[in-house]
Amino acid sequence: MDIELFFVFLQKQQDYCKTIRLQQATRLPKSMKTIKDMTFGGERPLFESHNLRMENITISDGESAIKECTNLEADGCKFYGKYPWWHVDGSVIINCYFAPESRSAIWYSYNMTMRNCVIDGPKFFREMKNVELENVTINDADETFWNVENLKLKNVTLHDGTYPFMGCRNIEIDGLVSDSKYVFQYVKHAVIRNAKITTKDSFWETEDITVYDSVLDGEYLGWHSKNLRLVRCHIAGEQPLCYAENLVLEDCTFDPACDRAFEYSTVQATIRGHIENIKNPTSGHIVADSIGSITLNDNVLPPADCKIETRS
């Protein structure tokens, strides 16, 4: 290598290493400034805030109060203005309230923990990564949790609204109560425990989902899903679990109103108690204590070899 080119290369390597060290230094923990008992309004009042703790702060009106920020804590704060928390990396939000006017409040933010909060605004948590919620109530869950990656929920309640969890990936849930419609559409890789879900269509086009010890009450559960596994769940609603691929049920129970279950599905199911109607499963094995009726007709898809039996 030419000596001049060598020194140019060496200088570029040194510059690169310096850039990496500077980037790492900016991520190191720093002492936090605290502000408390204050009200902010207008446009972007806390724009580009870093290493900031907010106590009993009110965001009154305006837009984008907290934006392009890092390393924030909010404790006992109230949010009324629009879009108050965008593009924030690293935050803890506890004991806070988000009013209906704070719609679309938290988008494009990463590494967030929220605890003991009440949210009355719609369209929260969009395009985010590494989000944890505990003891949070969302009273207008319309279009909430869209395209979130690495989402953990514990003891969370969702009311009203449509399509929460649309397109999320890598979800862990322990304790969910939801009456929102059309939950868990296009979700990949989730483990859900101790949920009570009352809804319309749910778990459509999902992939690699396991649900434990939950109540799933709604029409057209799990249509077009892949690798959906339900363990000790109670299922209610019309036409559940159709067009499903590699569907597994372990020790599940069915509401008497369930009918036309498993149509065009490949399924392995152990059912405790009675199931009213099974219709045209494609393949697999279904066993229940009792079965009201079985519909097998010319419309069943090949290989059409599902074994269906009752326990003796």
C-alpha atoms as a PDB file:
ATOM      1  CA  MET A   1       0.000   0.000   0.000  1.00  0.00           C
ATOM      2  CA  ASP A   2       1.241   3.515  -0.825  1.00  0.00           C
ATOM      3  CA  ILE A   3       2.478   5.286   2.333  1.00  0.00           C
ATOM      4  CA  GLU A   4       0.194   8.273   1.801  1.00  0.00           C
ATOM      5  CA  LEU A   5      -2.810   6.040   1.341  1.00  0.00           C
ATOM      6  CA  PHE A   6      -1.805   4.173   4.468  1.00  0.00           C
ATOM      7  CA  PHE A   7      -1.817   7.368   6.561  1.00  0.00           C
ATOM      8  CA  VAL A   8      -5.171   8.397   5.058  1.00  0.00           C
ATOM      9  CA  PHE A   9      -6.556   5.002   6.022  1.00  0.00           C
ATOM     10  CA  LEU A  10      -5.089   5.268   9.509  1.00  0.00           C
ATOM     11  CA  GLN A  11      -6.592   8.744  10.008  1.00  0.00           C
ATOM     12  CA  LYS A  12     -10.035   7.480   8.938  1.00  0.00           C
ATOM     13  CA  GLN A  13      -9.757   4.611  11.422  1.00  0.00           C
ATOM     14  CA  GLN A  14      -8.844   7.039  14.210  1.00  0.00           C
ATOM     15  CA  ASP A  15     -11.731   9.330  13.297  1.00  0.00           C
ATOM     16  CA  TYR A  16     -14.100   6.387  13.290  1.00  0.00           C
ATOM     17  CA  CYS A  17     -12.921   5.229  16.732  1.00  0.00           C
ATOM     18  CA  LYS A  18     -13.308   8.770  18.073  1.00  0.00           C
ATOM     19  CA  THR A  19     -16.877   8.922  16.751  1.00  0.00           C
ATOM     20  CA  ILE A  20     -17.725   5.617  18.431  1.00  0.00           C
ATOM     21  CA  ARG A  21     -16.266   6.812  21.752  1.00  0.00           C
ATOM     22  CA  LEU A  22     -18.300  10.016  21.563  1.00  0.00           C
ATOM     23  CA  GLN A  23     -21.472   8.098  20.810  1.00  0.00           C
ATOM     24  CA  GLN A  24     -20.847   5.773  23.736  1.00  0.00           C
ATOM     25  CA  ALA A  25     -20.136   8.695  26.049  1.00  0.00           C
ATOM     26  CA  THR A  26     -23.463  10.307  25.233  1.00  0.00           C
ATOM     27  CA  ARG A  27     -25.221   7.127  26.346  1.00  0.00           C
ATOM     28  CA  LEU A  28     -23.593   6.970  29.755  1.00  0.00           C
ATOM     29  CA  PRO A  29     -25.834   7.745  32.738  1.00  0.00           C
ATOM     30  CA  LYS A  30     -25.725  11.383  33.764  1.00  0.00           C
ATOM     31  CA  SER A  31     -27.087  13.311  36.706  1.00  0.00           C
ATOM     32  CA  MET A  32     -30.655  14.387  36.117  1.00  0.00           C
ATOM     33  CA  LYS A  33     -32.109  17.842  36.407  1.00  0.00           C
ATOM     34  CA  THR A  34     -35.469  17.975  38.202  1.00  0.00           C
ATOM     35  CA  ILE A  35     -38.354  20.334  37.478  1.00  0.00           C
ATOM     36  CA  LYS A  36     -41.576  20.246  39.487  1.00  0.00           C
ATOM     37  CA  ASP A  37     -44.933  21.942  40.031  1.00  0.00           C
ATOM     38  CA  MET A  38     -44.870  23.744  36.681  1.00  0.00           C
ATOM     39  CA  THR A  39     -47.232  24.114  33.691  1.00  0.00           C
ATOM     40  CA  PHE A  40     -46.082  24.186  30.068  1.00  0.00           C
ATOM     41  CA  GLY A  41     -48.098  25.062  26.980  1.00  0.00           C
ATOM     42  CA  GLY A  42     -47.611  26.168  23.416  1.00  0.00           C
ATOM     43  CA  GLU A  43     -45.395  24.609  20.797  1.00  0.00           C
ATOM     44  CA  ARG A  44     -42.525  22.286  21.870  1.00  0.00           C
ATOM     45  CA  PRO A  45     -41.813  23.791  25.290  1.00  0.00           C
ATOM     46  CA  LEU A  46     -39.529  20.917  26.332  1.00  0.00           C
ATOM     47  CA  PHE A  47     -38.053  20.120  22.923  1.00  0.00           C
ATOM     48  CA  GLU A  48     -34.604  18.459  23.029  1.00  0.00           C
ATOM     49  CA  SER A  49     -34.686  17.897  26.788  1.00  0.00           C
ATOM     50  CA  HIS A  50     -32.194  15.357  28.108  1.00  0.00           C
ATOM     51  CA  ASN A  51     -31.567  13.777  31.521  1.00  0.00           C
ATOM     52  CA  LEU A  52     -34.671  15.429  32.932  1.00  0.00           C
ATOM     53  CA  ARG A  53     -36.986  14.374  35.772  1.00  0.00           C
ATOM     54  CA  MET A  54     -40.460  15.947  35.801  1.00  0.00           C
ATOM     55  CA  GLU A  55     -42.553  15.920  38.988  1.00  0.00           C
ATOM     56  CA  ASN A  56     -46.142  17.173  39.056  1.00  0.00           C
ATOM     57  CA  ILE A  57     -45.759  18.834  35.651  1.00  0.00           C
ATOM     58  CA  THR A  58     -48.818  19.764  33.564  1.00  0.00           C
ATOM     59  CA  ILE A  59     -48.700  19.946  29.778  1.00  0.00           C
ATOM     60  CA  SER A  60     -51.672  22.176  29.131  1.00  0.00           C
ATOM     61  CA  ASP A  61     -52.205  22.963  25.451  1.00  0.00           C
ATOM     62  CA  GLY A  62     -50.302  23.250  22.202  1.00  0.00           C
ATOM     63  CA  GLU A  63     -48.483  20.427  20.425  1.00  0.00           C
ATOM     64  CA  SER A  64     -45.379  18.275  20.730  1.00  0.00           C
ATOM     65  CA  ALA A  65     -44.411  19.380  24.216  1.00  0.00           C
ATOM     66  CA  ILE A  66     -41.810  16.629  24.691  1.00  0.00           C
ATOM     67  CA  LYS A  67     -40.011  15.715  21.488  1.00  0.00           C
ATOM     68  CA  GLU A  68     -36.536  14.545  20.417  1.00  0.00           C
ATOM     69  CA  CYS A  69     -35.553  13.826  24.019  1.00  0.00           C
ATOM     70  CA  THR A  70     -33.485  11.219  25.871  1.00  0.00           C
ATOM     71  CA  ASN A  71     -33.421   9.850  29.422  1.00  0.00           C
ATOM     72  CA  LEU A  72     -36.615  11.279  30.901  1.00  0.00           C
ATOM     73  CA  GLU A  73     -38.640  10.540  34.022  1.00  0.00           C
ATOM     74  CA  ALA A  74     -42.202  11.722  34.594  1.00  0.00           C
ATOM     75  CA  ASP A  75     -43.890  11.225  37.979  1.00  0.00           C
ATOM     76  CA  GLY A  76     -47.369  12.511  38.799  1.00  0.00           C
ATOM     77  CA  CYS A  77     -47.666  14.523  35.586  1.00  0.00           C
ATOM     78  CA  LYS A  78     -50.761  15.416  33.550  1.00  0.00           C
ATOM     79  CA  PHE A  79     -50.882  15.675  29.766  1.00  0.00           C
ATOM     80  CA  TYR A  80     -53.598  17.604  27.916  1.00  0.00           C
ATOM     81  CA  GLY A  81     -51.941  18.935  24.755  1.00  0.00           C
ATOM     82  CA  LYS A  82     -51.661  17.045  21.467  1.00  0.00           C
ATOM     83  CA  TYR A  83     -48.821  14.661  20.621  1.00  0.00           C
ATOM     84  CA  PRO A  84     -46.906  15.340  23.855  1.00  0.00           C
ATOM     85  CA  TRP A  85     -44.331  12.502  23.757  1.00  0.00           C
ATOM     86  CA  TRP A  86     -42.673  11.767  20.400  1.00  0.00           C
ATOM     87  CA  HIS A  87     -39.168  10.582  19.483  1.00  0.00           C
ATOM     88  CA  VAL A  88     -38.068   9.953  23.070  1.00  0.00           C
ATOM     89  CA  ASP A  89     -35.359   7.381  23.779  1.00  0.00           C
ATOM     90  CA  GLY A  90     -35.202   6.088  27.344  1.00  0.00           C
ATOM     91  CA  SER A  91     -38.037   7.072  29.678  1.00  0.00           C
ATOM     92  CA  VAL A  92     -39.943   6.120  32.819  1.00  0.00           C
ATOM     93  CA  ILE A  93     -43.540   7.332  33.221  1.00  0.00           C
ATOM     94  CA  ILE A  94     -45.280   6.643  36.548  1.00  0.00           C
ATOM     95  CA  ASN A  95     -48.466   7.857  38.240  1.00  0.00           C
ATOM     96  CA  CYS A  96     -49.357  10.003  35.228  1.00  0.00           C
ATOM     97  CA  TYR A  97     -52.600  10.935  33.483  1.00  0.00           C
ATOM     98  CA  PHE A  98     -53.162  11.421  29.755  1.00  0.00           C
ATOM     99  CA  ALA A  99     -56.393  13.271  28.920  1.00  0.00           C
ATOM    100  CA  PRO A 100     -58.575  12.649  25.824  1.00  0.00           C
ATOM    101  CA  GLU A 101     -57.050  15.719  24.176  1.00  0.00           C
ATOM    102  CA  SER A 102     -53.612  14.091  24.298  1.00  0.00           C
ATOM    103  CA  ARG A 103     -54.459  11.825  21.371  1.00  0.00           C
ATOM    104  CA  SER A 104     -51.622  10.118  19.533  1.00  0.00           C
ATOM    105  CA  ALA A 105     -49.487  10.995  22.525  1.00  0.00           C
ATOM    106  CA  ILE A 106     -46.616   8.507  22.419  1.00  0.00           C
ATOM    107  CA  TRP A 107     -45.128   7.594  19.026  1.00  0.00           C
ATOM    108  CA  TYR A 108     -41.678   6.736  17.684  1.00  0.00           C
ATOM    109  CA  SER A 109     -40.228   6.285  21.168  1.00  0.00           C
ATOM    110  CA  TYR A 110     -37.967   3.550  22.475  1.00  0.00           C
ATOM    111  CA  ASN A 111     -36.947   1.916  25.743  1.00  0.00           C
ATOM    112  CA  MET A 112     -39.972   3.072  27.744  1.00  0.00           C
ATOM    113  CA  THR A 113     -41.439   1.895  31.037  1.00  0.00           C
ATOM    114  CA  MET A 114     -44.900   3.038  32.188  1.00  0.00           C
ATOM    115  CA  ARG A 115     -46.489   2.140  35.528  1.00  0.00           C
ATOM    116  CA  ASN A 116     -49.654   3.082  37.430  1.00  0.00           C
ATOM    117  CA  CYS A 117     -51.042   5.389  34.734  1.00  0.00           C
ATOM    118  CA  VAL A 118     -54.469   6.198  33.290  1.00  0.00           C
ATOM    119  CA  ILE A 119     -54.850   6.990  29.600  1.00  0.00           C
ATOM    120  CA  ASP A 120     -58.071   8.503  28.226  1.00  0.00           C
ATOM    121  CA  GLY A 121     -56.731   9.406  24.779  1.00  0.00           C
ATOM    122  CA  PRO A 122     -56.788   7.203  21.637  1.00  0.00           C
ATOM    123  CA  LYS A 123     -54.026   6.065  19.291  1.00  0.00           C
ATOM    124  CA  PHE A 124     -51.224   5.604  21.806  1.00  0.00           C
ATOM    125  CA  PHE A 125     -47.955   3.698  21.315  1.00  0.00           C
ATOM    126  CA  ARG A 126     -47.106   3.602  17.607  1.00  0.00           C
ATOM    127  CA  GLU A 127     -43.933   2.536  15.800  1.00  0.00           C
ATOM    128  CA  MET A 128     -42.006   1.802  19.014  1.00  0.00           C
ATOM    129  CA  LYS A 129     -39.495  -0.680  20.449  1.00  0.00           C
ATOM    130  CA  ASN A 130     -38.896  -2.013  23.956  1.00  0.00           C
ATOM    131  CA  VAL A 131     -42.031  -0.881  25.789  1.00  0.00           C
ATOM    132  CA  GLU A 132     -43.195  -2.122  29.214  1.00  0.00           C
ATOM    133  CA  LEU A 133     -46.510  -1.279  30.898  1.00  0.00           C
ATOM    134  CA  GLU A 134     -47.671  -2.335  34.357  1.00  0.00           C
ATOM    135  CA  ASN A 135     -50.937  -1.427  36.098  1.00  0.00           C
ATOM    136  CA  VAL A 136     -52.106   0.796  33.264  1.00  0.00           C
ATOM    137  CA  THR A 137     -55.705   1.505  32.228  1.00  0.00           C
ATOM    138  CA  ILE A 138     -56.431   2.708  28.690  1.00  0.00           C
ATOM    139  CA  ASN A 139     -60.011   3.909  28.423  1.00  0.00           C
ATOM    140  CA  ASP A 140     -59.997   4.638  24.691  1.00  0.00           C
ATOM    141  CA  ALA A 141     -57.849   1.933  23.131  1.00  0.00           C
ATOM    142  CA  ASP A 142     -58.685   2.866  19.559  1.00  0.00           C
ATOM    143  CA  GLU A 143     -55.752   2.014  17.272  1.00  0.00           C
ATOM    144  CA  THR A 144     -53.428   1.617  20.246  1.00  0.00           C
ATOM    145  CA  PHE A 145     -50.192  -0.429  20.167  1.00  0.00           C
ATOM    146  CA  TRP A 146     -49.566  -0.371  16.419  1.00  0.00           C
ATOM    147  CA  ASN A 147     -46.303  -1.786  15.103  1.00  0.00           C
ATOM    148  CA  VAL A 148     -44.625  -2.085  18.487  1.00  0.00           C
ATOM    149  CA  GLU A 149     -41.678  -4.463  18.794  1.00  0.00           C
ATOM    150  CA  ASN A 150     -40.770  -6.031  22.148  1.00  0.00           C
ATOM    151  CA  LEU A 151     -43.869  -5.180  24.175  1.00  0.00           C
ATOM    152  CA  LYS A 152     -44.426  -6.351  27.770  1.00  0.00           C
ATOM    153  CA  LEU A 153     -47.726  -5.818  29.588  1.00  0.00           C
ATOM    154  CA  LYS A 154     -48.667  -6.724  33.160  1.00  0.00           C
ATOM    155  CA  ASN A 155     -52.120  -6.009  34.591  1.00  0.00           C
ATOM    156  CA  VAL A 156     -53.305  -3.788  31.759  1.00  0.00           C
ATOM    157  CA  THR A 157     -56.917  -2.897  30.960  1.00  0.00           C
ATOM    158  CA  LEU A 158     -58.190  -1.808  27.528  1.00  0.00           C
ATOM    159  CA  HIS A 159     -61.624  -0.282  26.973  1.00  0.00           C
ATOM    160  CA  ASP A 160     -63.411   0.493  23.704  1.00  0.00           C
ATOM    161  CA  GLY A 161     -61.777   1.270  20.386  1.00  0.00           C
ATOM    162  CA  THR A 162     -60.686  -0.929  17.515  1.00  0.00           C
ATOM    163  CA  TYR A 163     -57.584  -2.799  16.354  1.00  0.00           C
ATOM    164  CA  PRO A 164     -55.250  -2.620  19.353  1.00  0.00           C
ATOM    165  CA  PHE A 165     -51.937  -4.479  18.872  1.00  0.00           C
ATOM    166  CA  MET A 166     -52.082  -4.258  15.079  1.00  0.00           C
ATOM    167  CA  GLY A 167     -48.830  -5.541  13.595  1.00  0.00           C
ATOM    168  CA  CYS A 168     -46.948  -5.925  16.892  1.00  0.00           C
ATOM    169  CA  ARG A 169     -44.024  -8.326  17.261  1.00  0.00           C
ATOM    170  CA  ASN A 170     -42.571 -10.094  20.292  1.00  0.00           C
ATOM    171  CA  ILE A 171     -45.243  -9.560  22.957  1.00  0.00           C
ATOM    172  CA  GLU A 172     -45.348 -10.835  26.538  1.00  0.00           C
ATOM    173  CA  ILE A 173     -48.572 -10.318  28.488  1.00  0.00           C
ATOM    174  CA  ASP A 174     -49.553 -11.414  31.983  1.00  0.00           C
ATOM    175  CA  GLY A 175     -52.919 -10.021  33.026  1.00  0.00           C
ATOM    176  CA  LEU A 176     -55.036  -8.314  30.358  1.00  0.00           C
ATOM    177  CA  VAL A 177     -58.694  -7.305  30.442  1.00  0.00           C
ATOM    178  CA  SER A 178     -59.981  -5.991  27.134  1.00  0.00           C
ATOM    179  CA  ASP A 179     -63.340  -5.225  25.545  1.00  0.00           C
ATOM    180  CA  SER A 180     -61.816  -3.543  22.488  1.00  0.00           C
ATOM    181  CA  LYS A 181     -62.782  -4.842  19.049  1.00  0.00           C
ATOM    182  CA  TYR A 182     -60.533  -6.659  16.570  1.00  0.00           C
ATOM    183  CA  VAL A 183     -57.601  -7.259  18.910  1.00  0.00           C
ATOM    184  CA  PHE A 184     -54.281  -8.862  17.945  1.00  0.00           C
ATOM    185  CA  GLN A 185     -54.474  -8.599  14.167  1.00  0.00           C
ATOM    186  CA  TYR A 186     -51.304  -9.410  12.174  1.00  0.00           C
ATOM    187  CA  VAL A 187     -49.292 -10.056  15.363  1.00  0.00           C
ATOM    188  CA  LYS A 188     -46.182 -12.241  15.338  1.00  0.00           C
ATOM    189  CA  HIS A 189     -44.524 -14.005  18.271  1.00  0.00           C
ATOM    190  CA  ALA A 190     -46.556 -13.481  21.452  1.00  0.00           C
ATOM    191  CA  VAL A 191     -47.125 -15.225  24.776  1.00  0.00           C
ATOM    192  CA  ILE A 192     -50.317 -14.189  26.579  1.00  0.00           C
ATOM    193  CA  ARG A 193     -51.330 -15.319  30.081  1.00  0.00           C
ATOM    194  CA  ASN A 194     -54.361 -14.686  32.268  1.00  0.00           C
ATOM    195  CA  ALA A 195     -56.325 -12.596  29.791  1.00  0.00           C
ATOM    196  CA  LYS A 196     -60.038 -11.910  29.574  1.00  0.00           C
ATOM    197  CA  ILE A 197     -60.809 -10.725  26.071  1.00  0.00           C
ATOM    198  CA  THR A 198     -64.294  -9.792  24.870  1.00  0.00           C
ATOM    199  CA  THR A 199     -64.133  -8.683  21.272  1.00  0.00           C
ATOM    200  CA  LYS A 200     -65.122  -9.135  17.636  1.00  0.00           C
ATOM    201  CA  ASP A 201     -62.699 -10.811  15.220  1.00  0.00           C
ATOM    202  CA  SER A 202     -59.418 -11.476  16.999  1.00  0.00           C
ATOM    203  CA  PHE A 203     -56.019 -13.078  16.392  1.00  0.00           C
ATOM    204  CA  TRP A 204     -56.472 -12.869  12.598  1.00  0.00           C
ATOM    205  CA  GLU A 205     -53.405 -13.498  10.432  1.00  0.00           C
ATOM    206  CA  THR A 206     -51.264 -14.077  13.532  1.00  0.00           C
ATOM    207  CA  GLU A 207     -48.145 -16.204  13.656  1.00  0.00           C
ATOM    208  CA  ASP A 208     -46.504 -18.055  16.553  1.00  0.00           C
ATOM    209  CA  ILE A 209     -48.914 -17.085  19.348  1.00  0.00           C
ATOM    210  CA  THR A 210     -49.448 -18.994  22.612  1.00  0.00           C
ATOM    211  CA  VAL A 211     -52.285 -18.129  24.995  1.00  0.00           C
ATOM    212  CA  TYR A 212     -52.512 -19.626  28.487  1.00  0.00           C
ATOM    213  CA  ASP A 213     -55.372 -19.690  31.035  1.00  0.00           C
ATOM    214  CA  SER A 214     -57.500 -17.078  29.288  1.00  0.00           C
ATOM    215  CA  VAL A 215     -61.079 -16.372  28.225  1.00  0.00           C
ATOM    216  CA  LEU A 216     -61.435 -15.572  24.520  1.00  0.00           C
ATOM    217  CA  ASP A 217     -64.958 -14.381  23.745  1.00  0.00           C
ATOM    218  CA  GLY A 218     -65.619 -13.126  20.238  1.00  0.00           C
ATOM    219  CA  GLU A 219     -66.605 -14.053  16.712  1.00  0.00           C
ATOM    220  CA  TYR A 220     -64.209 -15.649  14.229  1.00  0.00           C
ATOM    221  CA  LEU A 221     -61.322 -16.265  16.608  1.00  0.00           C
ATOM    222  CA  GLY A 222     -57.946 -17.031  15.039  1.00  0.00           C
ATOM    223  CA  TRP A 223     -58.912 -17.168  11.372  1.00  0.00           C
ATOM    224  CA  HIS A 224     -55.975 -17.508   8.967  1.00  0.00           C
ATOM    225  CA  SER A 225     -53.532 -17.912  11.861  1.00  0.00           C
ATOM    226  CA  LYS A 226     -50.333 -19.938  11.832  1.00  0.00           C
ATOM    227  CA  ASN A 227     -49.003 -21.809  14.868  1.00  0.00           C
ATOM    228  CA  LEU A 228     -51.695 -20.587  17.279  1.00  0.00           C
ATOM    229  CA  ARG A 229     -51.588 -22.547  20.543  1.00  0.00           C
ATOM    230  CA  LEU A 230     -54.295 -22.244  23.201  1.00  0.00           C
ATOM    231  CA  VAL A 231     -53.679 -23.851  26.604  1.00  0.00           C
ATOM    232  CA  ARG A 232     -56.446 -24.160  29.238  1.00  0.00           C
ATOM    233  CA  CYS A 233     -58.487 -21.449  27.549  1.00  0.00           C
ATOM    234  CA  HIS A 234     -62.252 -20.981  27.382  1.00  0.00           C
ATOM    235  CA  ILE A 235     -63.553 -20.126  23.931  1.00  0.00           C
ATOM    236  CA  ALA A 236     -66.835 -18.383  23.147  1.00  0.00           C
ATOM    237  CA  GLY A 237     -68.344 -16.927  19.979  1.00  0.00           C
ATOM    238  CA  GLU A 238     -69.384 -18.021  16.515  1.00  0.00           C
ATOM    239  CA  GLN A 239     -67.211 -19.932  14.045  1.00  0.00           C
ATOM    240  CA  PRO A 240     -63.969 -20.051  15.994  1.00  0.00           C
ATOM    241  CA  LEU A 241     -60.593 -21.210  14.710  1.00  0.00           C
ATOM    242  CA  CYS A 242     -61.184 -21.587  10.976  1.00  0.00           C
ATOM    243  CA  TYR A 243     -58.599 -21.493   8.160  1.00  0.00           C
ATOM    244  CA  ALA A 244     -55.904 -22.017  10.803  1.00  0.00           C
ATOM    245  CA  GLU A 245     -52.592 -23.720  10.079  1.00  0.00           C
ATOM    246  CA  ASN A 246     -50.903 -25.849  12.740  1.00  0.00           C
ATOM    247  CA  LEU A 247     -53.532 -25.002  15.356  1.00  0.00           C
ATOM    248  CA  VAL A 248     -53.066 -26.590  18.806  1.00  0.00           C
ATOM    249  CA  LEU A 249     -55.563 -26.676  21.692  1.00  0.00           C
ATOM    250  CA  GLU A 250     -54.639 -28.216  25.035  1.00  0.00           C
ATOM    251  CA  ASP A 251     -57.350 -28.809  27.659  1.00  0.00           C
ATOM    252  CA  CYS A 252     -59.590 -26.030  26.349  1.00  0.00           C
ATOM    253  CA  THR A 253     -63.335 -25.592  26.907  1.00  0.00           C
ATOM    254  CA  PHE A 254     -66.005 -24.250  24.560  1.00  0.00           C
ATOM    255  CA  ASP A 255     -69.115 -22.182  25.175  1.00  0.00           C
ATOM    256  CA  PRO A 256     -72.338 -23.909  24.077  1.00  0.00           C
ATOM    257  CA  ALA A 257     -72.928 -21.217  21.433  1.00  0.00           C
ATOM    258  CA  CYS A 258     -69.734 -22.069  19.539  1.00  0.00           C
ATOM    259  CA  ASP A 259     -70.538 -23.652  16.183  1.00  0.00           C
ATOM    260  CA  ARG A 260     -68.781 -24.527  12.905  1.00  0.00           C
ATOM    261  CA  ALA A 261     -65.432 -24.748  14.663  1.00  0.00           C
ATOM    262  CA  PHE A 262     -62.191 -25.682  12.884  1.00  0.00           C
ATOM    263  CA  GLU A 263     -63.451 -25.312   9.303  1.00  0.00           C
ATOM    264  CA  TYR A 264     -60.541 -25.749   6.865  1.00  0.00           C
ATOM    265  CA  SER A 265     -58.015 -25.919   9.741  1.00  0.00           C
ATOM    266  CA  THR A 266     -55.173 -28.285  10.456  1.00  0.00           C
ATOM    267  CA  VAL A 267     -55.596 -28.933  14.158  1.00  0.00           C
ATOM    268  CA  GLN A 268     -54.510 -30.985  17.160  1.00  0.00           C
ATOM    269  CA  ALA A 269     -57.085 -30.410  19.924  1.00  0.00           C
ATOM    270  CA  THR A 270     -57.886 -31.859  23.331  1.00  0.00           C
ATOM    271  CA  ILE A 271     -61.210 -30.411  24.506  1.00  0.00           C
ATOM    272  CA  ARG A 272     -62.551 -30.691  28.030  1.00  0.00           C
ATOM    273  CA  GLY A 273     -66.303 -31.010  28.198  1.00  0.00           C
ATOM    274  CA  HIS A 274     -68.666 -30.493  25.274  1.00  0.00           C
ATOM    275  CA  ILE A 275     -68.260 -28.843  21.880  1.00  0.00           C
ATOM    276  CA  GLU A 276     -71.452 -28.207  19.958  1.00  0.00           C
ATOM    277  CA  ASN A 277     -70.354 -28.456  16.324  1.00  0.00           C
ATOM    278  CA  ILE A 278     -67.205 -29.286  14.364  1.00  0.00           C
ATOM    279  CA  LYS A 279     -67.181 -28.527  10.648  1.00  0.00           C
ATOM    280  CA  ASN A 280     -64.852 -29.750   7.899  1.00  0.00           C
ATOM    281  CA  PRO A 281     -61.412 -29.686   9.553  1.00  0.00           C
ATOM    282  CA  THR A 282     -58.729 -30.406   6.969  1.00  0.00           C
ATOM    283  CA  SER A 283     -56.472 -32.702   8.985  1.00  0.00           C
ATOM    284  CA  GLY A 284     -55.284 -33.532  12.491  1.00  0.00           C
ATOM    285  CA  HIS A 285     -56.887 -35.021  15.609  1.00  0.00           C
ATOM    286  CA  ILE A 286     -59.721 -33.666  17.783  1.00  0.00           C
ATOM    287  CA  VAL A 287     -60.885 -35.325  20.974  1.00  0.00           C
ATOM    288  CA  ALA A 288     -63.623 -34.070  23.330  1.00  0.00           C
ATOM    289  CA  ASP A 289     -65.760 -35.452  26.149  1.00  0.00           C
ATOM    290  CA  SER A 290     -68.833 -34.978  23.971  1.00  0.00           C
ATOM    291  CA  ILE A 291     -69.662 -33.539  20.551  1.00  0.00           C
ATOM    292  CA  GLY A 292     -73.073 -32.238  19.540  1.00  0.00           C
ATOM    293  CA  SER A 293     -72.630 -32.720  15.793  1.00  0.00           C
ATOM    294  CA  ILE A 294     -69.960 -33.137  13.140  1.00  0.00           C
ATOM    295  CA  THR A 295     -70.339 -31.666   9.663  1.00  0.00           C
ATOM    296  CA  LEU A 296     -68.261 -33.410   7.002  1.00  0.00           C
ATOM    297  CA  ASN A 297     -69.348 -32.767   3.430  1.00  0.00           C
ATOM    298  CA  ASP A 298     -68.007 -32.469  -0.097  1.00  0.00           C
ATOM    299  CA  ASN A 299     -66.545 -29.049   0.645  1.00  0.00           C
ATOM    300  CA  VAL A 300     -63.895 -30.335   3.023  1.00  0.00           C
ATOM    301  CA  LEU A 301     -60.354 -29.659   1.782  1.00  0.00           C
ATOM    302  CA  PRO A 302     -57.839 -32.440   1.239  1.00  0.00           C
ATOM    303  CA  PRO A 303     -56.369 -34.469   2.756  1.00  0.00           C
ATOM    304  CA  ALA A 304     -59.670 -34.506   4.693  1.00  0.00           C
ATOM    305  CA  ASP A 305     -58.314 -37.043   7.168  1.00  0.00           C
ATOM    306  CA  CYS A 306     -58.878 -35.367  10.546  1.00  0.00           C
ATOM    307  CA  LYS A 307     -59.631 -37.920  13.267  1.00  0.00           C
ATOM    308  CA  ILE A 308     -62.523 -36.783  15.483  1.00  0.00           C
ATOM    309  CA  GLU A 309     -63.478 -38.773  18.556  1.00  0.00           C
ATOM    310  CA  THR A 310     -65.068 -38.621  21.991  1.00  0.00           C
ATOM    311  CA  ARG A 311     -63.448 -39.935  25.150  1.00  0.00           C
ATOM    312  CA  SER A 312     -64.777 -43.287  26.262  1.00  0.00           C
END
